[in-house]
Amino acid sequence: MKIYTGVGDAGTTQLAGGTTVSKAHLRVQAYGSLDELNSLIGLAAREAQNHPLRRAELEILTESLLRLQHQLFNAGATIACDKPEVRARLPQLKPAAAHRLETAIDQMTEKLPLLTEFVLPGGHPLACHLHVARSVCRRAERDYVNFLNESGESDESYHLLVFLNRLSDYFFTAARYANFVFGVNDQAWRKDLA
């Protein structure tokens, strides 16, 4: 496979169904945000693997992050396809994916101190990567909703709305869990510093 083709040099790209659209098209923006999120997950996964002494405690993260990369790649591929008959042959995100996220959130939450106030993004570098992933996930969700609203398509083809909403919760919890594993206290939001 040749990496460069020159096809997109005029600001257009070809969707998986063969249609040529602007690189600013809402569909392209939606799957582009998922691609960006996937890259951030790769960065977080690498950071988690850099700590062999914490391998057992971080295993819940490293396994989930790799699965998430595959799921987001599949989701991006389906969004990149504008032809339902072609999209039906692509790997589909299953509704059970959101339930797996809920299970992972619950498993991490059981080990964490009770959350009683808002916390600022930050802490250990792994937690910071996960907080950035959370923010990009929320943008990806907005981009996806914007695409659905403008295109008139339904989420039934993608099963992504619940998944992305749960995924941002997962990243928030995972960031807190990373701080917990490394003995870093979450920084509470101080309203008095306005």
N, C-alpha and C. Protein backbone atom coordinates (compact mmCIF):
# COMPACT_ATOMS: atom_id res chain seq x y z
N MET A 1 0.85 -1.17 0.00
CA MET A 1 0.00 0.00 0.00
C MET A 1 0.90 1.23 0.00
N LYS A 2 0.65 2.12 -0.92
CA LYS A 2 1.41 3.36 -1.01
C LYS A 2 0.81 4.37 -0.02
N ILE A 3 1.65 5.02 0.77
CA ILE A 3 1.19 5.95 1.79
C ILE A 3 0.68 7.25 1.17
N TYR A 4 1.39 7.77 0.20
CA TYR A 4 0.94 9.03 -0.41
C TYR A 4 0.42 8.75 -1.81
N THR A 5 -0.70 9.41 -2.12
CA THR A 5 -1.32 9.23 -3.43
C THR A 5 -1.48 10.55 -4.17
N GLY A 6 -1.52 11.65 -3.41
CA GLY A 6 -1.75 12.96 -4.01
C GLY A 6 -3.22 13.25 -4.23
N VAL A 7 -4.09 12.27 -3.98
CA VAL A 7 -5.52 12.45 -4.22
C VAL A 7 -6.08 13.58 -3.35
N GLY A 8 -5.59 13.72 -2.13
CA GLY A 8 -6.13 14.72 -1.22
C GLY A 8 -5.45 16.07 -1.30
N ASP A 9 -4.60 16.27 -2.29
CA ASP A 9 -3.85 17.52 -2.37
C ASP A 9 -4.73 18.74 -2.63
N ALA A 10 -5.95 18.53 -3.09
CA ALA A 10 -6.85 19.64 -3.38
C ALA A 10 -7.86 19.86 -2.26
N GLY A 11 -7.62 19.24 -1.10
CA GLY A 11 -8.51 19.46 0.04
C GLY A 11 -9.71 18.53 0.06
N THR A 12 -9.64 17.44 -0.69
CA THR A 12 -10.72 16.46 -0.69
C THR A 12 -10.17 15.11 -0.25
N THR A 13 -11.09 14.23 0.11
CA THR A 13 -10.73 12.87 0.47
C THR A 13 -11.81 11.93 -0.03
N GLN A 14 -11.47 10.68 -0.13
CA GLN A 14 -12.44 9.70 -0.59
C GLN A 14 -12.92 8.87 0.60
N LEU A 15 -14.24 8.81 0.75
CA LEU A 15 -14.83 8.01 1.82
C LEU A 15 -14.71 6.53 1.48
N ALA A 16 -14.91 5.69 2.47
CA ALA A 16 -14.78 4.25 2.27
C ALA A 16 -15.78 3.72 1.26
N GLY A 17 -16.86 4.42 1.03
CA GLY A 17 -17.85 4.01 0.03
C GLY A 17 -17.54 4.51 -1.37
N GLY A 18 -16.46 5.32 -1.50
CA GLY A 18 -16.04 5.80 -2.81
C GLY A 18 -16.38 7.24 -3.12
N THR A 19 -17.21 7.87 -2.32
CA THR A 19 -17.60 9.26 -2.56
C THR A 19 -16.47 10.20 -2.19
N THR A 20 -16.23 11.21 -3.04
CA THR A 20 -15.22 12.23 -2.75
C THR A 20 -15.90 13.41 -2.06
N VAL A 21 -15.34 13.84 -0.92
CA VAL A 21 -15.89 14.95 -0.15
C VAL A 21 -14.75 15.86 0.30
N SER A 22 -15.12 17.05 0.75
CA SER A 22 -14.16 17.99 1.33
C SER A 22 -13.59 17.40 2.62
N LYS A 23 -12.35 17.72 2.89
CA LYS A 23 -11.75 17.28 4.16
C LYS A 23 -12.39 17.98 5.35
N ALA A 24 -13.18 19.02 5.08
CA ALA A 24 -13.91 19.72 6.14
C ALA A 24 -15.32 19.15 6.33
N HIS A 25 -15.68 18.13 5.59
CA HIS A 25 -17.00 17.50 5.69
C HIS A 25 -17.21 16.99 7.12
N LEU A 26 -18.43 17.09 7.61
CA LEU A 26 -18.73 16.68 8.99
C LEU A 26 -18.44 15.20 9.24
N ARG A 27 -18.60 14.37 8.23
CA ARG A 27 -18.29 12.95 8.38
C ARG A 27 -16.78 12.78 8.61
N VAL A 28 -15.99 13.52 7.84
CA VAL A 28 -14.53 13.45 7.97
C VAL A 28 -14.10 13.99 9.33
N GLN A 29 -14.75 15.06 9.76
CA GLN A 29 -14.44 15.62 11.07
C GLN A 29 -14.76 14.61 12.18
N ALA A 30 -15.87 13.90 12.05
CA ALA A 30 -16.27 12.93 13.08
C ALA A 30 -15.27 11.78 13.16
N TYR A 31 -14.92 11.19 12.02
CA TYR A 31 -13.97 10.07 12.14
C TYR A 31 -12.56 10.55 12.38
N GLY A 32 -12.25 11.80 12.01
CA GLY A 32 -10.94 12.36 12.33
C GLY A 32 -10.76 12.56 13.83
N SER A 33 -11.81 12.97 14.51
CA SER A 33 -11.73 13.12 15.97
C SER A 33 -11.54 11.77 16.66
N LEU A 34 -12.18 10.73 16.12
CA LEU A 34 -11.96 9.39 16.67
C LEU A 34 -10.53 8.93 16.45
N ASP A 35 -9.96 9.29 15.30
CA ASP A 35 -8.57 8.94 15.01
C ASP A 35 -7.63 9.64 15.99
N GLU A 36 -7.90 10.93 16.24
CA GLU A 36 -7.08 11.67 17.21
C GLU A 36 -7.19 11.04 18.60
N LEU A 37 -8.39 10.68 18.99
CA LEU A 37 -8.59 10.03 20.28
C LEU A 37 -7.83 8.70 20.34
N ASN A 38 -7.86 7.96 19.25
CA ASN A 38 -7.16 6.68 19.20
C ASN A 38 -5.66 6.88 19.40
N SER A 39 -5.11 7.93 18.82
CA SER A 39 -3.69 8.22 19.00
C SER A 39 -3.37 8.54 20.46
N LEU A 40 -4.25 9.29 21.10
CA LEU A 40 -4.04 9.62 22.51
C LEU A 40 -4.13 8.37 23.39
N ILE A 41 -5.01 7.46 23.03
CA ILE A 41 -5.11 6.21 23.78
C ILE A 41 -3.81 5.43 23.65
N GLY A 42 -3.24 5.43 22.44
CA GLY A 42 -1.95 4.76 22.25
C GLY A 42 -0.87 5.36 23.12
N LEU A 43 -0.88 6.68 23.25
CA LEU A 43 0.09 7.37 24.11
C LEU A 43 -0.12 6.97 25.58
N ALA A 44 -1.37 6.95 26.02
CA ALA A 44 -1.66 6.56 27.40
C ALA A 44 -1.28 5.11 27.66
N ALA A 45 -1.56 4.24 26.70
CA ALA A 45 -1.22 2.83 26.86
C ALA A 45 0.29 2.65 26.99
N ARG A 46 1.04 3.39 26.17
CA ARG A 46 2.50 3.31 26.24
C ARG A 46 3.00 3.78 27.61
N GLU A 47 2.41 4.87 28.10
CA GLU A 47 2.79 5.39 29.42
C GLU A 47 2.49 4.35 30.50
N ALA A 48 1.37 3.67 30.40
CA ALA A 48 1.02 2.65 31.39
C ALA A 48 2.01 1.49 31.34
N GLN A 49 2.49 1.14 30.16
CA GLN A 49 3.43 0.03 30.01
C GLN A 49 4.83 0.40 30.48
N ASN A 50 5.11 1.67 30.66
CA ASN A 50 6.43 2.13 31.09
C ASN A 50 6.70 1.89 32.57
N HIS A 51 5.77 1.29 33.28
CA HIS A 51 5.90 1.13 34.72
C HIS A 51 5.77 -0.34 35.11
N PRO A 52 6.82 -1.14 34.86
CA PRO A 52 6.73 -2.58 35.12
C PRO A 52 6.46 -2.92 36.58
N LEU A 53 6.86 -2.06 37.51
CA LEU A 53 6.61 -2.35 38.92
C LEU A 53 5.13 -2.21 39.28
N ARG A 54 4.39 -1.54 38.44
CA ARG A 54 2.95 -1.35 38.66
C ARG A 54 2.11 -2.18 37.67
N ARG A 55 2.76 -3.11 36.98
CA ARG A 55 2.09 -3.86 35.91
C ARG A 55 0.77 -4.48 36.37
N ALA A 56 0.77 -5.13 37.51
CA ALA A 56 -0.45 -5.81 37.97
C ALA A 56 -1.57 -4.80 38.23
N GLU A 57 -1.22 -3.68 38.85
CA GLU A 57 -2.25 -2.67 39.16
C GLU A 57 -2.75 -1.97 37.90
N LEU A 58 -1.90 -1.86 36.88
CA LEU A 58 -2.27 -1.14 35.66
C LEU A 58 -2.83 -2.05 34.58
N GLU A 59 -2.83 -3.35 34.83
CA GLU A 59 -3.30 -4.30 33.81
C GLU A 59 -4.73 -4.00 33.38
N ILE A 60 -5.57 -3.59 34.32
CA ILE A 60 -6.95 -3.26 33.98
C ILE A 60 -7.00 -2.13 32.95
N LEU A 61 -6.03 -1.23 33.01
CA LEU A 61 -5.98 -0.14 32.03
C LEU A 61 -5.39 -0.59 30.71
N THR A 62 -4.25 -1.25 30.76
CA THR A 62 -3.55 -1.58 29.51
C THR A 62 -4.40 -2.49 28.63
N GLU A 63 -5.08 -3.45 29.21
CA GLU A 63 -5.94 -4.33 28.42
C GLU A 63 -7.12 -3.56 27.83
N SER A 64 -7.74 -2.71 28.63
CA SER A 64 -8.88 -1.93 28.14
C SER A 64 -8.46 -0.96 27.04
N LEU A 65 -7.31 -0.32 27.22
CA LEU A 65 -6.88 0.67 26.24
C LEU A 65 -6.63 0.04 24.87
N LEU A 66 -6.04 -1.12 24.84
CA LEU A 66 -5.80 -1.79 23.56
C LEU A 66 -7.13 -2.16 22.89
N ARG A 67 -8.06 -2.68 23.65
CA ARG A 67 -9.38 -3.01 23.10
C ARG A 67 -10.05 -1.74 22.56
N LEU A 68 -9.95 -0.65 23.32
CA LEU A 68 -10.56 0.61 22.88
C LEU A 68 -9.98 1.08 21.56
N GLN A 69 -8.68 0.91 21.36
CA GLN A 69 -8.08 1.32 20.10
C GLN A 69 -8.71 0.56 18.93
N HIS A 70 -8.89 -0.73 19.09
CA HIS A 70 -9.51 -1.52 18.02
C HIS A 70 -10.97 -1.09 17.81
N GLN A 71 -11.69 -0.87 18.90
CA GLN A 71 -13.09 -0.47 18.78
C GLN A 71 -13.23 0.89 18.09
N LEU A 72 -12.36 1.84 18.45
CA LEU A 72 -12.44 3.15 17.82
C LEU A 72 -12.02 3.09 16.35
N PHE A 73 -11.08 2.24 16.03
CA PHE A 73 -10.69 2.08 14.62
C PHE A 73 -11.89 1.55 13.83
N ASN A 74 -12.57 0.56 14.38
CA ASN A 74 -13.77 0.02 13.72
C ASN A 74 -14.86 1.09 13.59
N ALA A 75 -15.08 1.85 14.66
CA ALA A 75 -16.10 2.90 14.63
C ALA A 75 -15.76 3.96 13.59
N GLY A 76 -14.49 4.36 13.54
CA GLY A 76 -14.07 5.34 12.55
C GLY A 76 -14.26 4.83 11.13
N ALA A 77 -13.98 3.55 10.92
CA ALA A 77 -14.16 2.97 9.58
C ALA A 77 -15.62 2.99 9.16
N THR A 78 -16.53 2.71 10.09
CA THR A 78 -17.95 2.72 9.72
C THR A 78 -18.44 4.14 9.45
N ILE A 79 -17.95 5.11 10.22
CA ILE A 79 -18.34 6.49 9.96
C ILE A 79 -17.77 6.96 8.63
N ALA A 80 -16.59 6.49 8.28
CA ALA A 80 -15.94 6.89 7.03
C ALA A 80 -16.64 6.32 5.81
N CYS A 81 -17.59 5.44 6.01
CA CYS A 81 -18.30 4.80 4.90
C CYS A 81 -19.70 5.39 4.77
N ASP A 82 -19.98 6.01 3.63
CA ASP A 82 -21.28 6.64 3.42
C ASP A 82 -22.29 5.73 2.73
N LYS A 83 -21.90 4.54 2.39
CA LYS A 83 -22.79 3.61 1.69
C LYS A 83 -23.22 2.50 2.66
N PRO A 84 -24.52 2.48 3.05
CA PRO A 84 -24.98 1.49 4.03
C PRO A 84 -24.66 0.05 3.64
N GLU A 85 -24.73 -0.27 2.35
CA GLU A 85 -24.48 -1.65 1.94
C GLU A 85 -23.02 -2.04 2.13
N VAL A 86 -22.11 -1.08 1.99
CA VAL A 86 -20.69 -1.34 2.24
C VAL A 86 -20.43 -1.35 3.75
N ARG A 87 -21.05 -0.40 4.45
CA ARG A 87 -20.87 -0.29 5.90
C ARG A 87 -21.31 -1.57 6.61
N ALA A 88 -22.34 -2.23 6.09
CA ALA A 88 -22.85 -3.46 6.72
C ALA A 88 -21.81 -4.57 6.72
N ARG A 89 -20.83 -4.50 5.83
CA ARG A 89 -19.78 -5.53 5.77
C ARG A 89 -18.58 -5.21 6.66
N LEU A 90 -18.58 -4.03 7.25
CA LEU A 90 -17.46 -3.62 8.10
C LEU A 90 -17.68 -4.09 9.53
N PRO A 91 -16.59 -4.23 10.31
CA PRO A 91 -16.77 -4.60 11.73
C PRO A 91 -17.59 -3.53 12.45
N GLN A 92 -18.60 -3.96 13.17
CA GLN A 92 -19.51 -3.05 13.84
C GLN A 92 -19.21 -2.98 15.34
N LEU A 93 -19.32 -1.79 15.89
CA LEU A 93 -19.23 -1.63 17.34
C LEU A 93 -20.49 -2.23 17.94
N LYS A 94 -20.32 -3.09 18.90
CA LYS A 94 -21.46 -3.77 19.52
C LYS A 94 -21.97 -2.97 20.71
N PRO A 95 -23.30 -2.96 20.94
CA PRO A 95 -23.83 -2.27 22.12
C PRO A 95 -23.20 -2.75 23.43
N ALA A 96 -22.75 -4.00 23.46
CA ALA A 96 -22.12 -4.53 24.68
C ALA A 96 -20.82 -3.80 25.03
N ALA A 97 -20.25 -3.09 24.06
CA ALA A 97 -19.00 -2.36 24.32
C ALA A 97 -19.19 -1.33 25.43
N ALA A 98 -20.34 -0.66 25.45
CA ALA A 98 -20.61 0.32 26.50
C ALA A 98 -20.74 -0.37 27.86
N HIS A 99 -21.31 -1.56 27.88
CA HIS A 99 -21.43 -2.30 29.15
C HIS A 99 -20.06 -2.72 29.67
N ARG A 100 -19.15 -3.06 28.77
CA ARG A 100 -17.79 -3.41 29.19
C ARG A 100 -17.12 -2.20 29.85
N LEU A 101 -17.37 -1.02 29.29
CA LEU A 101 -16.81 0.20 29.89
C LEU A 101 -17.37 0.41 31.29
N GLU A 102 -18.67 0.19 31.44
CA GLU A 102 -19.29 0.35 32.76
C GLU A 102 -18.68 -0.61 33.78
N THR A 103 -18.42 -1.83 33.35
CA THR A 103 -17.79 -2.82 34.24
C THR A 103 -16.40 -2.35 34.66
N ALA A 104 -15.62 -1.86 33.69
CA ALA A 104 -14.27 -1.37 34.00
C ALA A 104 -14.34 -0.16 34.93
N ILE A 105 -15.29 0.74 34.69
CA ILE A 105 -15.46 1.91 35.56
C ILE A 105 -15.76 1.45 36.98
N ASP A 106 -16.68 0.51 37.12
CA ASP A 106 -17.06 0.01 38.44
C ASP A 106 -15.88 -0.66 39.14
N GLN A 107 -15.09 -1.44 38.40
CA GLN A 107 -13.94 -2.12 39.00
C GLN A 107 -12.91 -1.12 39.52
N MET A 108 -12.67 -0.06 38.77
CA MET A 108 -11.70 0.94 39.23
C MET A 108 -12.27 1.75 40.39
N THR A 109 -13.55 2.12 40.28
CA THR A 109 -14.19 2.95 41.30
C THR A 109 -14.17 2.27 42.67
N GLU A 110 -14.32 0.94 42.69
CA GLU A 110 -14.29 0.19 43.96
C GLU A 110 -13.00 0.42 44.73
N LYS A 111 -11.92 0.72 44.03
CA LYS A 111 -10.61 0.88 44.67
C LYS A 111 -10.31 2.34 45.02
N LEU A 112 -11.12 3.26 44.52
CA LEU A 112 -10.82 4.69 44.68
C LEU A 112 -11.51 5.28 45.90
N PRO A 113 -10.91 6.36 46.44
CA PRO A 113 -11.62 7.10 47.49
C PRO A 113 -12.91 7.70 46.91
N LEU A 114 -13.89 7.86 47.75
CA LEU A 114 -15.17 8.42 47.33
C LEU A 114 -14.97 9.82 46.74
N LEU A 115 -15.58 10.07 45.61
CA LEU A 115 -15.49 11.38 44.96
C LEU A 115 -16.58 12.28 45.55
N THR A 116 -16.18 13.37 46.20
CA THR A 116 -17.14 14.26 46.85
C THR A 116 -17.12 15.67 46.27
N GLU A 117 -16.18 15.92 45.35
CA GLU A 117 -16.07 17.25 44.76
C GLU A 117 -15.43 17.13 43.38
N PHE A 118 -15.54 18.22 42.61
CA PHE A 118 -14.90 18.24 41.31
C PHE A 118 -13.38 18.22 41.48
N VAL A 119 -12.70 17.55 40.56
CA VAL A 119 -11.24 17.52 40.60
C VAL A 119 -10.69 18.09 39.30
N LEU A 120 -9.51 18.69 39.41
CA LEU A 120 -8.85 19.26 38.24
C LEU A 120 -8.11 18.18 37.47
N PRO A 121 -8.03 18.31 36.15
CA PRO A 121 -7.22 17.37 35.38
C PRO A 121 -5.75 17.55 35.77
N GLY A 122 -5.05 16.44 35.95
CA GLY A 122 -3.64 16.54 36.29
C GLY A 122 -3.18 15.36 37.10
N GLY A 123 -1.99 15.51 37.67
CA GLY A 123 -1.43 14.45 38.50
C GLY A 123 -0.30 13.74 37.80
N HIS A 124 -0.28 12.43 37.93
CA HIS A 124 0.75 11.60 37.30
C HIS A 124 0.65 11.75 35.77
N PRO A 125 1.78 11.64 35.04
CA PRO A 125 1.71 11.77 33.58
C PRO A 125 0.68 10.84 32.92
N LEU A 126 0.53 9.62 33.42
CA LEU A 126 -0.49 8.73 32.85
C LEU A 126 -1.88 9.32 33.04
N ALA A 127 -2.16 9.84 34.23
CA ALA A 127 -3.45 10.47 34.48
C ALA A 127 -3.66 11.67 33.57
N CYS A 128 -2.61 12.44 33.34
CA CYS A 128 -2.72 13.60 32.45
C CYS A 128 -3.08 13.16 31.03
N HIS A 129 -2.44 12.11 30.53
CA HIS A 129 -2.77 11.59 29.19
C HIS A 129 -4.24 11.14 29.14
N LEU A 130 -4.69 10.51 30.19
CA LEU A 130 -6.07 10.03 30.22
C LEU A 130 -7.06 11.19 30.31
N HIS A 131 -6.70 12.26 31.01
CA HIS A 131 -7.58 13.44 31.05
C HIS A 131 -7.65 14.11 29.68
N VAL A 132 -6.53 14.18 28.97
CA VAL A 132 -6.57 14.74 27.61
C VAL A 132 -7.44 13.86 26.72
N ALA A 133 -7.31 12.55 26.85
CA ALA A 133 -8.15 11.63 26.08
C ALA A 133 -9.62 11.86 26.40
N ARG A 134 -9.93 12.11 27.67
CA ARG A 134 -11.32 12.39 28.07
C ARG A 134 -11.86 13.63 27.36
N SER A 135 -11.04 14.68 27.32
CA SER A 135 -11.47 15.92 26.68
C SER A 135 -11.67 15.73 25.17
N VAL A 136 -10.74 15.02 24.54
CA VAL A 136 -10.86 14.77 23.10
C VAL A 136 -12.05 13.85 22.83
N CYS A 137 -12.31 12.91 23.73
CA CYS A 137 -13.48 12.04 23.59
C CYS A 137 -14.76 12.86 23.59
N ARG A 138 -14.83 13.84 24.46
CA ARG A 138 -16.03 14.69 24.50
C ARG A 138 -16.18 15.49 23.21
N ARG A 139 -15.06 15.95 22.66
CA ARG A 139 -15.13 16.66 21.38
C ARG A 139 -15.56 15.70 20.28
N ALA A 140 -15.01 14.49 20.29
CA ALA A 140 -15.39 13.50 19.28
C ALA A 140 -16.89 13.21 19.36
N GLU A 141 -17.41 13.16 20.57
CA GLU A 141 -18.85 12.95 20.75
C GLU A 141 -19.63 14.11 20.15
N ARG A 142 -19.19 15.34 20.41
CA ARG A 142 -19.87 16.51 19.83
C ARG A 142 -19.80 16.48 18.31
N ASP A 143 -18.63 16.14 17.77
CA ASP A 143 -18.47 16.08 16.31
C ASP A 143 -19.38 15.01 15.72
N TYR A 144 -19.49 13.89 16.41
CA TYR A 144 -20.34 12.80 15.93
C TYR A 144 -21.81 13.21 15.96
N VAL A 145 -22.25 13.84 17.04
CA VAL A 145 -23.64 14.31 17.14
C VAL A 145 -23.91 15.35 16.06
N ASN A 146 -22.97 16.25 15.84
CA ASN A 146 -23.13 17.25 14.78
C ASN A 146 -23.28 16.58 13.42
N PHE A 147 -22.45 15.57 13.17
CA PHE A 147 -22.55 14.81 11.92
C PHE A 147 -23.93 14.16 11.79
N LEU A 148 -24.40 13.50 12.86
CA LEU A 148 -25.72 12.86 12.80
C LEU A 148 -26.82 13.88 12.55
N ASN A 149 -26.76 15.01 13.26
CA ASN A 149 -27.79 16.04 13.11
C ASN A 149 -27.84 16.59 11.69
N GLU A 150 -26.68 16.86 11.12
CA GLU A 150 -26.62 17.47 9.79
C GLU A 150 -26.89 16.46 8.67
N SER A 151 -26.50 15.21 8.88
CA SER A 151 -26.66 14.21 7.81
C SER A 151 -28.04 13.56 7.82
N GLY A 152 -28.71 13.63 8.96
CA GLY A 152 -29.99 12.95 9.09
C GLY A 152 -29.86 11.45 9.31
N GLU A 153 -28.63 10.98 9.45
CA GLU A 153 -28.41 9.55 9.71
C GLU A 153 -28.75 9.24 11.16
N SER A 154 -28.93 7.96 11.43
CA SER A 154 -29.28 7.50 12.76
C SER A 154 -28.09 6.81 13.41
N ASP A 155 -28.02 6.89 14.71
CA ASP A 155 -26.96 6.20 15.45
C ASP A 155 -27.12 4.69 15.39
N GLU A 156 -28.29 4.21 14.96
CA GLU A 156 -28.52 2.77 14.89
C GLU A 156 -27.51 2.07 13.99
N SER A 157 -26.96 2.80 13.03
CA SER A 157 -25.95 2.21 12.13
C SER A 157 -24.59 2.10 12.81
N TYR A 158 -24.40 2.84 13.89
CA TYR A 158 -23.06 2.97 14.47
C TYR A 158 -22.94 2.52 15.92
N HIS A 159 -24.02 2.64 16.71
CA HIS A 159 -24.01 2.30 18.14
C HIS A 159 -22.92 3.06 18.89
N LEU A 160 -22.76 4.32 18.56
CA LEU A 160 -21.63 5.08 19.08
C LEU A 160 -21.99 6.11 20.15
N LEU A 161 -23.24 6.59 20.17
CA LEU A 161 -23.60 7.64 21.13
C LEU A 161 -23.39 7.21 22.57
N VAL A 162 -23.96 6.10 22.95
CA VAL A 162 -23.82 5.62 24.34
C VAL A 162 -22.36 5.29 24.62
N PHE A 163 -21.70 4.66 23.65
CA PHE A 163 -20.30 4.26 23.82
C PHE A 163 -19.42 5.48 24.11
N LEU A 164 -19.54 6.54 23.31
CA LEU A 164 -18.69 7.72 23.51
C LEU A 164 -19.00 8.41 24.83
N ASN A 165 -20.28 8.45 25.18
CA ASN A 165 -20.65 9.07 26.45
C ASN A 165 -20.04 8.29 27.62
N ARG A 166 -20.11 6.98 27.55
CA ARG A 166 -19.53 6.15 28.60
C ARG A 166 -18.01 6.21 28.57
N LEU A 167 -17.44 6.36 27.37
CA LEU A 167 -15.99 6.38 27.23
C LEU A 167 -15.38 7.58 27.94
N SER A 168 -16.02 8.74 27.88
CA SER A 168 -15.47 9.89 28.60
C SER A 168 -15.52 9.66 30.11
N ASP A 169 -16.57 8.98 30.59
CA ASP A 169 -16.62 8.60 32.01
C ASP A 169 -15.49 7.63 32.35
N TYR A 170 -15.24 6.70 31.43
CA TYR A 170 -14.16 5.74 31.63
C TYR A 170 -12.82 6.46 31.78
N PHE A 171 -12.54 7.42 30.89
CA PHE A 171 -11.26 8.12 30.95
C PHE A 171 -11.12 8.93 32.23
N PHE A 172 -12.21 9.54 32.68
CA PHE A 172 -12.17 10.28 33.94
C PHE A 172 -11.80 9.34 35.09
N THR A 173 -12.49 8.21 35.15
CA THR A 173 -12.23 7.24 36.21
C THR A 173 -10.83 6.66 36.09
N ALA A 174 -10.41 6.37 34.86
CA ALA A 174 -9.07 5.81 34.63
C ALA A 174 -7.99 6.80 35.07
N ALA A 175 -8.21 8.09 34.83
CA ALA A 175 -7.23 9.10 35.27
C ALA A 175 -7.15 9.12 36.80
N ARG A 176 -8.28 9.08 37.46
CA ARG A 176 -8.28 9.02 38.93
C ARG A 176 -7.60 7.75 39.41
N TYR A 177 -7.86 6.65 38.73
CA TYR A 177 -7.26 5.37 39.11
C TYR A 177 -5.74 5.42 38.94
N ALA A 178 -5.27 6.02 37.85
CA ALA A 178 -3.82 6.14 37.63
C ALA A 178 -3.19 6.96 38.76
N ASN A 179 -3.81 8.06 39.12
CA ASN A 179 -3.29 8.85 40.24
C ASN A 179 -3.26 8.02 41.52
N PHE A 180 -4.30 7.26 41.75
CA PHE A 180 -4.37 6.41 42.94
C PHE A 180 -3.24 5.38 42.96
N VAL A 181 -3.02 4.72 41.83
CA VAL A 181 -1.98 3.69 41.73
C VAL A 181 -0.60 4.28 42.03
N PHE A 182 -0.37 5.51 41.56
CA PHE A 182 0.94 6.13 41.74
C PHE A 182 1.03 6.99 43.00
N GLY A 183 -0.01 6.96 43.83
CA GLY A 183 0.03 7.69 45.09
C GLY A 183 -0.06 9.19 44.94
N VAL A 184 -0.70 9.65 43.88
CA VAL A 184 -0.87 11.09 43.64
C VAL A 184 -2.30 11.46 43.99
N ASN A 185 -2.47 12.44 44.84
CA ASN A 185 -3.82 12.88 45.21
C ASN A 185 -4.42 13.72 44.09
N ASP A 186 -5.70 13.48 43.81
CA ASP A 186 -6.41 14.35 42.87
C ASP A 186 -6.49 15.75 43.48
N GLN A 187 -6.38 16.75 42.63
CA GLN A 187 -6.44 18.14 43.08
C GLN A 187 -7.89 18.62 43.02
N ALA A 188 -8.45 18.94 44.17
CA ALA A 188 -9.83 19.42 44.22
C ALA A 188 -9.93 20.81 43.60
N TRP A 189 -11.04 21.06 42.95
CA TRP A 189 -11.33 22.38 42.39
C TRP A 189 -11.62 23.33 43.54
N ARG A 190 -10.92 24.46 43.56
CA ARG A 190 -11.12 25.46 44.61
C ARG A 190 -11.86 26.65 44.03
N LYS A 191 -13.09 26.81 44.45
CA LYS A 191 -13.93 27.90 43.96
C LYS A 191 -13.44 29.26 44.45
N ASP A 192 -12.69 29.27 45.55
CA ASP A 192 -12.25 30.53 46.14
C ASP A 192 -11.10 31.18 45.36
N LEU A 193 -10.57 30.51 44.34
CA LEU A 193 -9.46 31.07 43.57
C LEU A 193 -9.93 31.79 42.32
N ALA A 194 -11.19 32.24 42.32
CA ALA A 194 -11.76 32.93 41.15
C ALA A 194 -11.13 34.28 40.94
